[in-house]
Amino acid sequence: MNDIHYTGGMERFGAIRLFLDAARLGSFSAAGRCQGLSPAAASAAMQRLEASLQTKLFERTTRRLRLTEEGQMYRHFSEQALALMTEAEAGLRAGGDAVRGTVRISAPSDLGRNLLLPMLEQFRTRHPALLYALTLSDTPADLVRDDIDLAIRYGQLPDSDMVARPLAASRRVVCAAPALLDRCGVPATPAQLADLPAIVLATAHGPMHDWRYTDTVGGKRRAACVRVRRYLQSNDGEVVRKWAVSGQGFAWKSLLDIGDDLRAGRLRTVLDEYFTDGAPLNLLYHRHRFQPPRVALLADFLQDRFGQIKT
């Protein structure tokens, strides 16, 4: 097994890598295995790091390690330091101007397959040394826990430690295939949707069967919703769209997801005067995490490309 001492800069970077692994995995033993150290050597190395900093980085319990407030701050700067070193070394090896490394991306399934994938392919033709780790899911990812660099999500966002860059304006609409409208008729009010065949997205929080809209009562606009009762459900947004195109039911979808279907006549929207609330598409990333050039360049590229889409 190796050991870590603090006689020079390279040794300190080894300790930083061990510290970051311990913070991520919650275990000195697991972190040590990543670095080729025994559990005892890993624990001793962290004790030496704390002694050299004169700061306690971890709260130790019988079950798991937890970063102290000072440890959280050290983690933030350590991640930036290693990211900078990695970028510098990659640039030197590639002649100084290559974009390389892996970008971890999370996006909704339907949008990811039909809009995002072609954009990623175009960006990679410019930067062939770049790699992607792409997760498509309609359940929002935890950017910190899942180590996501960039996440694409719909809707207004709660206050958080994430930066939200607007990608495209959009709204949720109710849509259906022409054949279904011929069979069931065009609903005149949102309330009529409750007893019509529908298709809903199933998330970790349950089926999205409450469809929000805006009504006018006494000359005033107010928020309302209709709960659909006769529905198919899927946890994949593209399945929901395909079922809608095949005439299986009404669906509540983003205009961005069904733009091609509307232009081709495969789907039509209904009740547009009610379903008017915006659901903008945003690009999320960590507010306090260093962005390597590959992440920053891809973020700029996606913002430009999505900004060109007409809904």
C-alpha atoms as a PDB file:
ATOM      1  CA  MET A   1       0.000   0.000   0.000  1.00  0.00           C
ATOM      2  CA  ASN A   2       1.036   3.582  -0.594  1.00  0.00           C
ATOM      3  CA  ASP A   3       1.247   6.326   2.001  1.00  0.00           C
ATOM      4  CA  ILE A   4       0.770  10.100   1.866  1.00  0.00           C
ATOM      5  CA  HIS A   5       3.144  12.667   3.337  1.00  0.00           C
ATOM      6  CA  TYR A   6       3.118  16.447   3.027  1.00  0.00           C
ATOM      7  CA  THR A   7       6.661  17.267   1.980  1.00  0.00           C
ATOM      8  CA  GLY A   8       5.654  18.790  -1.389  1.00  0.00           C
ATOM      9  CA  GLY A   9       2.911  19.959  -3.672  1.00  0.00           C
ATOM     10  CA  MET A  10       2.281  16.584  -5.349  1.00  0.00           C
ATOM     11  CA  GLU A  11       1.821  14.918  -1.959  1.00  0.00           C
ATOM     12  CA  ARG A  12      -0.646  17.597  -0.941  1.00  0.00           C
ATOM     13  CA  PHE A  13      -2.678  16.992  -4.092  1.00  0.00           C
ATOM     14  CA  GLY A  14      -2.771  13.287  -3.212  1.00  0.00           C
ATOM     15  CA  ALA A  15      -4.148  14.211   0.194  1.00  0.00           C
ATOM     16  CA  ILE A  16      -6.730  16.489  -1.404  1.00  0.00           C
ATOM     17  CA  ARG A  17      -7.902  13.684  -3.667  1.00  0.00           C
ATOM     18  CA  LEU A  18      -8.208  11.389  -0.664  1.00  0.00           C
ATOM     19  CA  PHE A  19     -10.119  14.089   1.245  1.00  0.00           C
ATOM     20  CA  LEU A  20     -12.572  14.600  -1.636  1.00  0.00           C
ATOM     21  CA  ASP A  21     -13.161  10.860  -1.968  1.00  0.00           C
ATOM     22  CA  ALA A  22     -13.814  10.617   1.769  1.00  0.00           C
ATOM     23  CA  ALA A  23     -16.261  13.528   1.602  1.00  0.00           C
ATOM     24  CA  ARG A  24     -18.048  11.939  -1.360  1.00  0.00           C
ATOM     25  CA  LEU A  25     -18.154   8.380  -0.042  1.00  0.00           C
ATOM     26  CA  GLY A  26     -18.554   9.146   3.660  1.00  0.00           C
ATOM     27  CA  SER A  27     -15.827   6.682   4.595  1.00  0.00           C
ATOM     28  CA  PHE A  28     -12.042   6.779   5.032  1.00  0.00           C
ATOM     29  CA  SER A  29     -11.840   3.086   4.149  1.00  0.00           C
ATOM     30  CA  ALA A  30     -13.734   3.501   0.885  1.00  0.00           C
ATOM     31  CA  ALA A  31     -11.689   6.591   0.016  1.00  0.00           C
ATOM     32  CA  GLY A  32      -8.496   4.717   0.773  1.00  0.00           C
ATOM     33  CA  ARG A  33      -9.432   1.930  -1.624  1.00  0.00           C
ATOM     34  CA  CYS A  34      -9.843   4.517  -4.388  1.00  0.00           C
ATOM     35  CA  GLN A  35      -6.289   5.740  -3.721  1.00  0.00           C
ATOM     36  CA  GLY A  36      -4.660   2.362  -3.041  1.00  0.00           C
ATOM     37  CA  LEU A  37      -4.375   2.900   0.725  1.00  0.00           C
ATOM     38  CA  SER A  38      -5.236   0.650   3.627  1.00  0.00           C
ATOM     39  CA  PRO A  39      -8.021   1.864   5.954  1.00  0.00           C
ATOM     40  CA  ALA A  40      -5.462   2.660   8.635  1.00  0.00           C
ATOM     41  CA  ALA A  41      -3.246   4.589   6.223  1.00  0.00           C
ATOM     42  CA  ALA A  42      -6.215   6.550   4.865  1.00  0.00           C
ATOM     43  CA  SER A  43      -7.379   7.509   8.351  1.00  0.00           C
ATOM     44  CA  ALA A  44      -3.854   8.500   9.372  1.00  0.00           C
ATOM     45  CA  ALA A  45      -3.445  10.567   6.200  1.00  0.00           C
ATOM     46  CA  MET A  46      -6.605  12.523   6.980  1.00  0.00           C
ATOM     47  CA  GLN A  47      -5.437  13.113  10.533  1.00  0.00           C
ATOM     48  CA  ARG A  48      -2.160  14.511   9.188  1.00  0.00           C
ATOM     49  CA  LEU A  49      -4.058  16.735   6.744  1.00  0.00           C
ATOM     50  CA  GLU A  50      -6.187  18.125   9.560  1.00  0.00           C
ATOM     51  CA  ALA A  51      -3.101  18.657  11.693  1.00  0.00           C
ATOM     52  CA  SER A  52      -1.317  20.494   8.887  1.00  0.00           C
ATOM     53  CA  LEU A  53      -4.355  22.749   8.407  1.00  0.00           C
ATOM     54  CA  GLN A  54      -4.958  23.035  12.149  1.00  0.00           C
ATOM     55  CA  THR A  55      -8.620  22.508  11.334  1.00  0.00           C
ATOM     56  CA  LYS A  56     -11.123  19.722  11.924  1.00  0.00           C
ATOM     57  CA  LEU A  57     -12.538  18.719   8.529  1.00  0.00           C
ATOM     58  CA  PHE A  58     -14.810  15.813   9.521  1.00  0.00           C
ATOM     59  CA  GLU A  59     -17.264  14.982  12.260  1.00  0.00           C
ATOM     60  CA  ARG A  60     -16.764  11.274  12.882  1.00  0.00           C
ATOM     61  CA  THR A  61     -19.633   8.999  13.943  1.00  0.00           C
ATOM     62  CA  THR A  62     -19.879   5.230  14.155  1.00  0.00           C
ATOM     63  CA  ARG A  63     -21.917   5.151  10.958  1.00  0.00           C
ATOM     64  CA  ARG A  64     -20.664   7.901   8.654  1.00  0.00           C
ATOM     65  CA  LEU A  65     -18.362  10.851   8.212  1.00  0.00           C
ATOM     66  CA  ARG A  66     -19.848  14.329   7.983  1.00  0.00           C
ATOM     67  CA  LEU A  67     -18.027  17.449   6.841  1.00  0.00           C
ATOM     68  CA  THR A  68     -17.675  20.288   9.299  1.00  0.00           C
ATOM     69  CA  GLU A  69     -18.378  23.821   8.134  1.00  0.00           C
ATOM     70  CA  GLU A  70     -14.633  24.254   7.613  1.00  0.00           C
ATOM     71  CA  GLY A  71     -14.552  20.945   5.756  1.00  0.00           C
ATOM     72  CA  GLN A  72     -17.291  22.103   3.402  1.00  0.00           C
ATOM     73  CA  MET A  73     -15.322  25.242   2.596  1.00  0.00           C
ATOM     74  CA  TYR A  74     -12.126  23.229   2.054  1.00  0.00           C
ATOM     75  CA  ARG A  75     -14.031  20.845  -0.226  1.00  0.00           C
ATOM     76  CA  HIS A  76     -15.245  23.751  -2.351  1.00  0.00           C
ATOM     77  CA  PHE A  77     -11.746  25.114  -2.925  1.00  0.00           C
ATOM     78  CA  SER A  78     -10.208  21.655  -3.269  1.00  0.00           C
ATOM     79  CA  GLU A  79     -12.595  20.788  -6.098  1.00  0.00           C
ATOM     80  CA  GLN A  80     -11.652  23.984  -7.882  1.00  0.00           C
ATOM     81  CA  ALA A  81      -7.921  23.364  -7.406  1.00  0.00           C
ATOM     82  CA  LEU A  82      -8.055  19.829  -8.820  1.00  0.00           C
ATOM     83  CA  ALA A  83     -10.298  20.907 -11.694  1.00  0.00           C
ATOM     84  CA  LEU A  84      -7.845  23.641 -12.634  1.00  0.00           C
ATOM     85  CA  MET A  85      -4.901  21.255 -12.503  1.00  0.00           C
ATOM     86  CA  THR A  86      -6.743  18.661 -14.604  1.00  0.00           C
ATOM     87  CA  GLU A  87      -7.655  21.257 -17.218  1.00  0.00           C
ATOM     88  CA  ALA A  88      -4.104  22.628 -17.292  1.00  0.00           C
ATOM     89  CA  GLU A  89      -2.536  19.185 -17.733  1.00  0.00           C
ATOM     90  CA  ALA A  90      -5.045  18.192 -20.442  1.00  0.00           C
ATOM     91  CA  GLY A  91      -4.434  21.446 -22.282  1.00  0.00           C
ATOM     92  CA  LEU A  92      -0.670  20.976 -22.206  1.00  0.00           C
ATOM     93  CA  ARG A  93      -0.920  17.415 -23.492  1.00  0.00           C
ATOM     94  CA  ALA A  94      -3.251  18.472 -26.300  1.00  0.00           C
ATOM     95  CA  GLY A  95      -1.329  21.547 -27.340  1.00  0.00           C
ATOM     96  CA  GLY A  96      -3.107  24.053 -25.127  1.00  0.00           C
ATOM     97  CA  ASP A  97      -6.467  24.553 -26.807  1.00  0.00           C
ATOM     98  CA  ALA A  98      -8.298  21.192 -26.839  1.00  0.00           C
ATOM     99  CA  VAL A  99     -11.564  20.712 -24.986  1.00  0.00           C
ATOM    100  CA  ARG A 100     -11.503  17.318 -23.333  1.00  0.00           C
ATOM    101  CA  GLY A 101     -12.760  15.455 -20.310  1.00  0.00           C
ATOM    102  CA  THR A 102     -16.281  14.355 -19.339  1.00  0.00           C
ATOM    103  CA  VAL A 103     -19.369  16.537 -18.908  1.00  0.00           C
ATOM    104  CA  ARG A 104     -22.130  14.981 -16.790  1.00  0.00           C
ATOM    105  CA  ILE A 105     -25.555  16.066 -18.034  1.00  0.00           C
ATOM    106  CA  SER A 106     -29.107  15.423 -16.833  1.00  0.00           C
ATOM    107  CA  ALA A 107     -32.197  16.187 -18.956  1.00  0.00           C
ATOM    108  CA  PRO A 108     -35.870  15.206 -19.356  1.00  0.00           C
ATOM    109  CA  SER A 109     -36.269  12.079 -21.461  1.00  0.00           C
ATOM    110  CA  ASP A 110     -38.374  13.427 -24.336  1.00  0.00           C
ATOM    111  CA  LEU A 111     -36.443  16.668 -24.772  1.00  0.00           C
ATOM    112  CA  GLY A 112     -33.149  14.858 -24.259  1.00  0.00           C
ATOM    113  CA  ARG A 113     -33.715  12.349 -27.047  1.00  0.00           C
ATOM    114  CA  ASN A 114     -35.280  14.668 -29.610  1.00  0.00           C
ATOM    115  CA  LEU A 115     -33.676  18.078 -29.078  1.00  0.00           C
ATOM    116  CA  LEU A 116     -30.603  17.720 -26.877  1.00  0.00           C
ATOM    117  CA  LEU A 117     -28.931  14.704 -28.533  1.00  0.00           C
ATOM    118  CA  PRO A 118     -28.448  16.392 -31.945  1.00  0.00           C
ATOM    119  CA  MET A 119     -26.993  19.442 -30.208  1.00  0.00           C
ATOM    120  CA  LEU A 120     -24.539  17.334 -28.219  1.00  0.00           C
ATOM    121  CA  GLU A 121     -23.467  15.558 -31.404  1.00  0.00           C
ATOM    122  CA  GLN A 122     -22.838  18.897 -33.108  1.00  0.00           C
ATOM    123  CA  PHE A 123     -20.779  20.177 -30.183  1.00  0.00           C
ATOM    124  CA  ARG A 124     -18.696  17.012 -30.129  1.00  0.00           C
ATOM    125  CA  THR A 125     -17.857  17.327 -33.826  1.00  0.00           C
ATOM    126  CA  ARG A 126     -16.128  20.564 -32.834  1.00  0.00           C
ATOM    127  CA  HIS A 127     -14.471  18.984 -29.793  1.00  0.00           C
ATOM    128  CA  PRO A 128     -13.991  15.259 -30.532  1.00  0.00           C
ATOM    129  CA  ALA A 129     -11.940  14.663 -27.370  1.00  0.00           C
ATOM    130  CA  LEU A 130     -14.949  15.557 -25.215  1.00  0.00           C
ATOM    131  CA  LEU A 131     -16.955  12.809 -23.501  1.00  0.00           C
ATOM    132  CA  TYR A 132     -20.530  12.866 -22.159  1.00  0.00           C
ATOM    133  CA  ALA A 133     -22.197  11.079 -19.273  1.00  0.00           C
ATOM    134  CA  LEU A 134     -25.860  11.688 -20.118  1.00  0.00           C
ATOM    135  CA  THR A 135     -28.766  10.794 -17.818  1.00  0.00           C
ATOM    136  CA  LEU A 136     -32.283  11.073 -19.242  1.00  0.00           C
ATOM    137  CA  SER A 137     -35.001  11.050 -16.604  1.00  0.00           C
ATOM    138  CA  ASP A 138     -38.195  12.926 -15.872  1.00  0.00           C
ATOM    139  CA  THR A 139     -37.400  12.791 -12.153  1.00  0.00           C
ATOM    140  CA  PRO A 140     -35.099  15.749 -11.399  1.00  0.00           C
ATOM    141  CA  ALA A 141     -31.542  14.745 -10.511  1.00  0.00           C
ATOM    142  CA  ASP A 142     -29.772  15.829  -7.339  1.00  0.00           C
ATOM    143  CA  LEU A 143     -26.903  17.801  -8.852  1.00  0.00           C
ATOM    144  CA  VAL A 144     -24.702  17.432  -5.767  1.00  0.00           C
ATOM    145  CA  ARG A 145     -25.376  13.798  -4.924  1.00  0.00           C
ATOM    146  CA  ASP A 146     -25.303  12.636  -8.555  1.00  0.00           C
ATOM    147  CA  ASP A 147     -22.267  14.803  -9.423  1.00  0.00           C
ATOM    148  CA  ILE A 148     -24.051  16.506 -12.344  1.00  0.00           C
ATOM    149  CA  ASP A 149     -22.294  19.359 -14.161  1.00  0.00           C
ATOM    150  CA  LEU A 150     -25.308  20.619 -16.142  1.00  0.00           C
ATOM    151  CA  ALA A 151     -29.010  19.855 -15.713  1.00  0.00           C
ATOM    152  CA  ILE A 152     -31.830  20.882 -18.037  1.00  0.00           C
ATOM    153  CA  ARG A 153     -35.216  21.342 -16.381  1.00  0.00           C
ATOM    154  CA  TYR A 154     -38.607  22.902 -17.037  1.00  0.00           C
ATOM    155  CA  GLY A 155     -40.515  25.343 -14.887  1.00  0.00           C
ATOM    156  CA  GLN A 156     -39.996  28.038 -12.302  1.00  0.00           C
ATOM    157  CA  LEU A 157     -37.277  27.040  -9.862  1.00  0.00           C
ATOM    158  CA  PRO A 158     -37.213  27.414  -6.080  1.00  0.00           C
ATOM    159  CA  ASP A 159     -34.396  29.341  -4.443  1.00  0.00           C
ATOM    160  CA  SER A 160     -31.338  27.129  -4.235  1.00  0.00           C
ATOM    161  CA  ASP A 161     -27.582  27.036  -4.570  1.00  0.00           C
ATOM    162  CA  MET A 162     -28.008  26.447  -8.302  1.00  0.00           C
ATOM    163  CA  VAL A 163     -27.633  28.998 -11.064  1.00  0.00           C
ATOM    164  CA  ALA A 164     -30.475  28.897 -13.605  1.00  0.00           C
ATOM    165  CA  ARG A 165     -29.719  30.152 -17.120  1.00  0.00           C
ATOM    166  CA  PRO A 166     -32.828  30.471 -19.334  1.00  0.00           C
ATOM    167  CA  LEU A 167     -32.636  28.317 -22.445  1.00  0.00           C
ATOM    168  CA  ALA A 168     -36.038  28.762 -24.065  1.00  0.00           C
ATOM    169  CA  ALA A 169     -39.507  30.066 -23.314  1.00  0.00           C
ATOM    170  CA  SER A 170     -42.233  27.436 -23.273  1.00  0.00           C
ATOM    171  CA  ARG A 171     -45.544  26.539 -21.690  1.00  0.00           C
ATOM    172  CA  ARG A 172     -47.510  23.400 -20.945  1.00  0.00           C
ATOM    173  CA  VAL A 173     -50.447  22.755 -23.244  1.00  0.00           C
ATOM    174  CA  VAL A 174     -53.078  20.060 -23.585  1.00  0.00           C
ATOM    175  CA  CYS A 175     -52.740  18.183 -26.855  1.00  0.00           C
ATOM    176  CA  ALA A 176     -54.339  15.258 -28.635  1.00  0.00           C
ATOM    177  CA  ALA A 177     -54.197  13.428 -31.942  1.00  0.00           C
ATOM    178  CA  PRO A 178     -56.735  14.520 -34.594  1.00  0.00           C
ATOM    179  CA  ALA A 179     -58.218  11.004 -34.607  1.00  0.00           C
ATOM    180  CA  LEU A 180     -58.953  11.232 -30.876  1.00  0.00           C
ATOM    181  CA  LEU A 181     -60.564  14.658 -31.293  1.00  0.00           C
ATOM    182  CA  ASP A 182     -62.764  13.245 -34.061  1.00  0.00           C
ATOM    183  CA  ARG A 183     -63.777  10.390 -31.769  1.00  0.00           C
ATOM    184  CA  CYS A 184     -64.243  12.258 -28.471  1.00  0.00           C
ATOM    185  CA  GLY A 185     -64.839  15.818 -29.602  1.00  0.00           C
ATOM    186  CA  VAL A 186     -62.941  18.957 -28.655  1.00  0.00           C
ATOM    187  CA  PRO A 187     -63.435  19.820 -24.951  1.00  0.00           C
ATOM    188  CA  ALA A 188     -64.974  23.242 -24.343  1.00  0.00           C
ATOM    189  CA  THR A 189     -63.698  23.648 -20.758  1.00  0.00           C
ATOM    190  CA  PRO A 190     -60.855  22.128 -18.721  1.00  0.00           C
ATOM    191  CA  ALA A 191     -63.390  20.438 -16.439  1.00  0.00           C
ATOM    192  CA  GLN A 192     -64.421  18.182 -19.319  1.00  0.00           C
ATOM    193  CA  LEU A 193     -60.932  16.673 -19.406  1.00  0.00           C
ATOM    194  CA  ALA A 194     -61.622  14.880 -16.117  1.00  0.00           C
ATOM    195  CA  ASP A 195     -63.691  12.186 -17.826  1.00  0.00           C
ATOM    196  CA  LEU A 196     -61.833  11.996 -21.143  1.00  0.00           C
ATOM    197  CA  PRO A 197     -59.024   9.487 -21.851  1.00  0.00           C
ATOM    198  CA  ALA A 198     -55.704  10.971 -20.770  1.00  0.00           C
ATOM    199  CA  ILE A 199     -52.012  10.149 -20.517  1.00  0.00           C
ATOM    200  CA  VAL A 200     -49.945  11.332 -17.558  1.00  0.00           C
ATOM    201  CA  LEU A 201     -46.313  11.376 -16.564  1.00  0.00           C
ATOM    202  CA  ALA A 202     -45.518   9.331 -13.447  1.00  0.00           C
ATOM    203  CA  THR A 203     -42.763  10.761 -11.237  1.00  0.00           C
ATOM    204  CA  ALA A 204     -41.195   9.788  -7.939  1.00  0.00           C
ATOM    205  CA  HIS A 205     -43.899  11.930  -6.297  1.00  0.00           C
ATOM    206  CA  GLY A 206     -46.759  10.146  -8.076  1.00  0.00           C
ATOM    207  CA  PRO A 207     -48.715  10.646 -11.308  1.00  0.00           C
ATOM    208  CA  MET A 208     -49.031  14.195 -12.655  1.00  0.00           C
ATOM    209  CA  HIS A 209     -52.816  13.981 -12.971  1.00  0.00           C
ATOM    210  CA  ASP A 210     -53.546  17.515 -11.728  1.00  0.00           C
ATOM    211  CA  TRP A 211     -53.309  19.782 -14.778  1.00  0.00           C
ATOM    212  CA  ARG A 212     -52.948  23.457 -13.863  1.00  0.00           C
ATOM    213  CA  TYR A 213     -54.606  26.213 -15.855  1.00  0.00           C
ATOM    214  CA  THR A 214     -55.858  29.785 -15.488  1.00  0.00           C
ATOM    215  CA  ASP A 215     -59.546  30.654 -15.391  1.00  0.00           C
ATOM    216  CA  THR A 216     -61.425  33.967 -15.439  1.00  0.00           C
ATOM    217  CA  VAL A 217     -64.061  34.469 -12.742  1.00  0.00           C
ATOM    218  CA  GLY A 218     -65.810  37.791 -12.299  1.00  0.00           C
ATOM    219  CA  GLY A 219     -63.360  39.438 -14.638  1.00  0.00           C
ATOM    220  CA  LYS A 220     -60.371  38.255 -12.583  1.00  0.00           C
ATOM    221  CA  ARG A 221     -57.812  35.618 -13.525  1.00  0.00           C
ATOM    222  CA  ARG A 222     -57.245  32.828 -11.015  1.00  0.00           C
ATOM    223  CA  ALA A 223     -55.225  29.632 -10.893  1.00  0.00           C
ATOM    224  CA  ALA A 224     -57.108  26.347 -11.073  1.00  0.00           C
ATOM    225  CA  CYS A 225     -56.519  22.715 -11.944  1.00  0.00           C
ATOM    226  CA  VAL A 226     -58.411  19.733 -13.269  1.00  0.00           C
ATOM    227  CA  ARG A 227     -57.696  16.185 -12.089  1.00  0.00           C
ATOM    228  CA  VAL A 228     -57.900  13.687 -14.929  1.00  0.00           C
ATOM    229  CA  ARG A 229     -59.260  10.304 -13.878  1.00  0.00           C
ATOM    230  CA  ARG A 230     -59.080   8.013 -16.914  1.00  0.00           C
ATOM    231  CA  TYR A 231     -55.408   7.824 -17.725  1.00  0.00           C
ATOM    232  CA  LEU A 232     -52.501   5.741 -18.924  1.00  0.00           C
ATOM    233  CA  GLN A 233     -49.245   6.590 -17.176  1.00  0.00           C
ATOM    234  CA  SER A 234     -45.530   6.249 -17.842  1.00  0.00           C
ATOM    235  CA  ASN A 235     -42.387   7.523 -16.161  1.00  0.00           C
ATOM    236  CA  ASP A 236     -40.950   8.356 -19.607  1.00  0.00           C
ATOM    237  CA  GLY A 237     -42.026  11.614 -21.253  1.00  0.00           C
ATOM    238  CA  GLU A 238     -41.360  10.290 -24.744  1.00  0.00           C
ATOM    239  CA  VAL A 239     -43.739   7.381 -24.146  1.00  0.00           C
ATOM    240  CA  VAL A 240     -46.395   9.891 -23.080  1.00  0.00           C
ATOM    241  CA  ARG A 241     -45.858  11.831 -26.322  1.00  0.00           C
ATOM    242  CA  LYS A 242     -45.940   8.711 -28.510  1.00  0.00           C
ATOM    243  CA  TRP A 243     -49.140   7.490 -26.864  1.00  0.00           C
ATOM    244  CA  ALA A 244     -50.680  10.911 -27.497  1.00  0.00           C
ATOM    245  CA  VAL A 245     -49.651  10.797 -31.171  1.00  0.00           C
ATOM    246  CA  SER A 246     -51.215   7.334 -31.507  1.00  0.00           C
ATOM    247  CA  GLY A 247     -54.527   8.663 -30.160  1.00  0.00           C
ATOM    248  CA  GLN A 248     -54.487   6.987 -26.754  1.00  0.00           C
ATOM    249  CA  GLY A 249     -55.518  10.117 -24.835  1.00  0.00           C
ATOM    250  CA  PHE A 250     -55.074  13.807 -24.105  1.00  0.00           C
ATOM    251  CA  ALA A 251     -51.645  14.793 -22.765  1.00  0.00           C
ATOM    252  CA  TRP A 252     -50.271  17.782 -20.862  1.00  0.00           C
ATOM    253  CA  LYS A 253     -46.941  18.500 -22.537  1.00  0.00           C
ATOM    254  CA  SER A 254     -44.427  21.263 -23.057  1.00  0.00           C
ATOM    255  CA  LEU A 255     -44.663  23.020 -26.415  1.00  0.00           C
ATOM    256  CA  LEU A 256     -40.950  22.351 -26.909  1.00  0.00           C
ATOM    257  CA  ASP A 257     -41.560  18.595 -26.684  1.00  0.00           C
ATOM    258  CA  ILE A 258     -44.352  18.483 -29.254  1.00  0.00           C
ATOM    259  CA  GLY A 259     -43.292  21.244 -31.668  1.00  0.00           C
ATOM    260  CA  ASP A 260     -42.498  18.855 -34.546  1.00  0.00           C
ATOM    261  CA  ASP A 261     -45.741  16.914 -33.953  1.00  0.00           C
ATOM    262  CA  LEU A 262     -47.804  20.117 -34.090  1.00  0.00           C
ATOM    263  CA  ARG A 263     -46.113  21.311 -37.280  1.00  0.00           C
ATOM    264  CA  ALA A 264     -46.623  17.901 -38.898  1.00  0.00           C
ATOM    265  CA  GLY A 265     -50.279  17.729 -37.839  1.00  0.00           C
ATOM    266  CA  ARG A 266     -49.792  14.634 -35.674  1.00  0.00           C
ATOM    267  CA  LEU A 267     -51.054  16.556 -32.622  1.00  0.00           C
ATOM    268  CA  ARG A 268     -53.310  19.551 -32.026  1.00  0.00           C
ATOM    269  CA  THR A 269     -53.607  21.709 -28.930  1.00  0.00           C
ATOM    270  CA  VAL A 270     -56.918  22.403 -27.212  1.00  0.00           C
ATOM    271  CA  LEU A 271     -58.108  24.899 -24.580  1.00  0.00           C
ATOM    272  CA  ASP A 272     -55.210  27.249 -25.329  1.00  0.00           C
ATOM    273  CA  GLU A 273     -57.033  30.166 -23.718  1.00  0.00           C
ATOM    274  CA  TYR A 274     -56.856  28.309 -20.374  1.00  0.00           C
ATOM    275  CA  PHE A 275     -53.413  26.674 -20.476  1.00  0.00           C
ATOM    276  CA  THR A 276     -51.307  29.820 -20.674  1.00  0.00           C
ATOM    277  CA  ASP A 277     -48.837  29.574 -17.776  1.00  0.00           C
ATOM    278  CA  GLY A 278     -45.190  29.585 -18.786  1.00  0.00           C
ATOM    279  CA  ALA A 279     -42.877  26.653 -18.084  1.00  0.00           C
ATOM    280  CA  PRO A 280     -39.491  27.976 -19.222  1.00  0.00           C
ATOM    281  CA  LEU A 281     -36.602  25.645 -19.925  1.00  0.00           C
ATOM    282  CA  ASN A 282     -33.545  26.323 -17.755  1.00  0.00           C
ATOM    283  CA  LEU A 283     -29.952  25.179 -17.599  1.00  0.00           C
ATOM    284  CA  LEU A 284     -28.826  24.518 -14.019  1.00  0.00           C
ATOM    285  CA  TYR A 285     -25.356  24.273 -12.554  1.00  0.00           C
ATOM    286  CA  HIS A 286     -23.680  24.630  -9.156  1.00  0.00           C
ATOM    287  CA  ARG A 287     -23.379  28.215  -8.000  1.00  0.00           C
ATOM    288  CA  HIS A 288     -20.221  27.546  -6.015  1.00  0.00           C
ATOM    289  CA  ARG A 289     -18.480  24.960  -8.206  1.00  0.00           C
ATOM    290  CA  PHE A 290     -15.662  25.840 -10.576  1.00  0.00           C
ATOM    291  CA  GLN A 291     -16.712  25.351 -14.196  1.00  0.00           C
ATOM    292  CA  PRO A 292     -13.993  23.825 -16.396  1.00  0.00           C
ATOM    293  CA  PRO A 293     -13.810  25.266 -19.924  1.00  0.00           C
ATOM    294  CA  ARG A 294     -15.574  22.202 -21.358  1.00  0.00           C
ATOM    295  CA  VAL A 295     -18.622  22.833 -19.127  1.00  0.00           C
ATOM    296  CA  ALA A 296     -18.686  26.603 -19.682  1.00  0.00           C
ATOM    297  CA  LEU A 297     -18.328  26.240 -23.469  1.00  0.00           C
ATOM    298  CA  LEU A 298     -21.071  23.611 -23.654  1.00  0.00           C
ATOM    299  CA  ALA A 299     -23.387  25.773 -21.520  1.00  0.00           C
ATOM    300  CA  ASP A 300     -22.882  28.718 -23.896  1.00  0.00           C
ATOM    301  CA  PHE A 301     -23.433  26.478 -26.928  1.00  0.00           C
ATOM    302  CA  LEU A 302     -26.685  25.023 -25.567  1.00  0.00           C
ATOM    303  CA  GLN A 303     -28.019  28.445 -24.626  1.00  0.00           C
ATOM    304  CA  ASP A 304     -27.386  29.651 -28.170  1.00  0.00           C
ATOM    305  CA  ARG A 305     -28.932  26.593 -29.851  1.00  0.00           C
ATOM    306  CA  PHE A 306     -32.037  26.407 -27.662  1.00  0.00           C
ATOM    307  CA  GLY A 307     -32.498  30.150 -28.100  1.00  0.00           C
ATOM    308  CA  GLN A 308     -32.954  29.550 -31.840  1.00  0.00           C
ATOM    309  CA  ILE A 309     -35.913  27.191 -31.386  1.00  0.00           C
ATOM    310  CA  LYS A 310     -39.299  28.680 -32.276  1.00  0.00           C
ATOM    311  CA  THR A 311     -42.346  27.378 -30.403  1.00  0.00           C
END
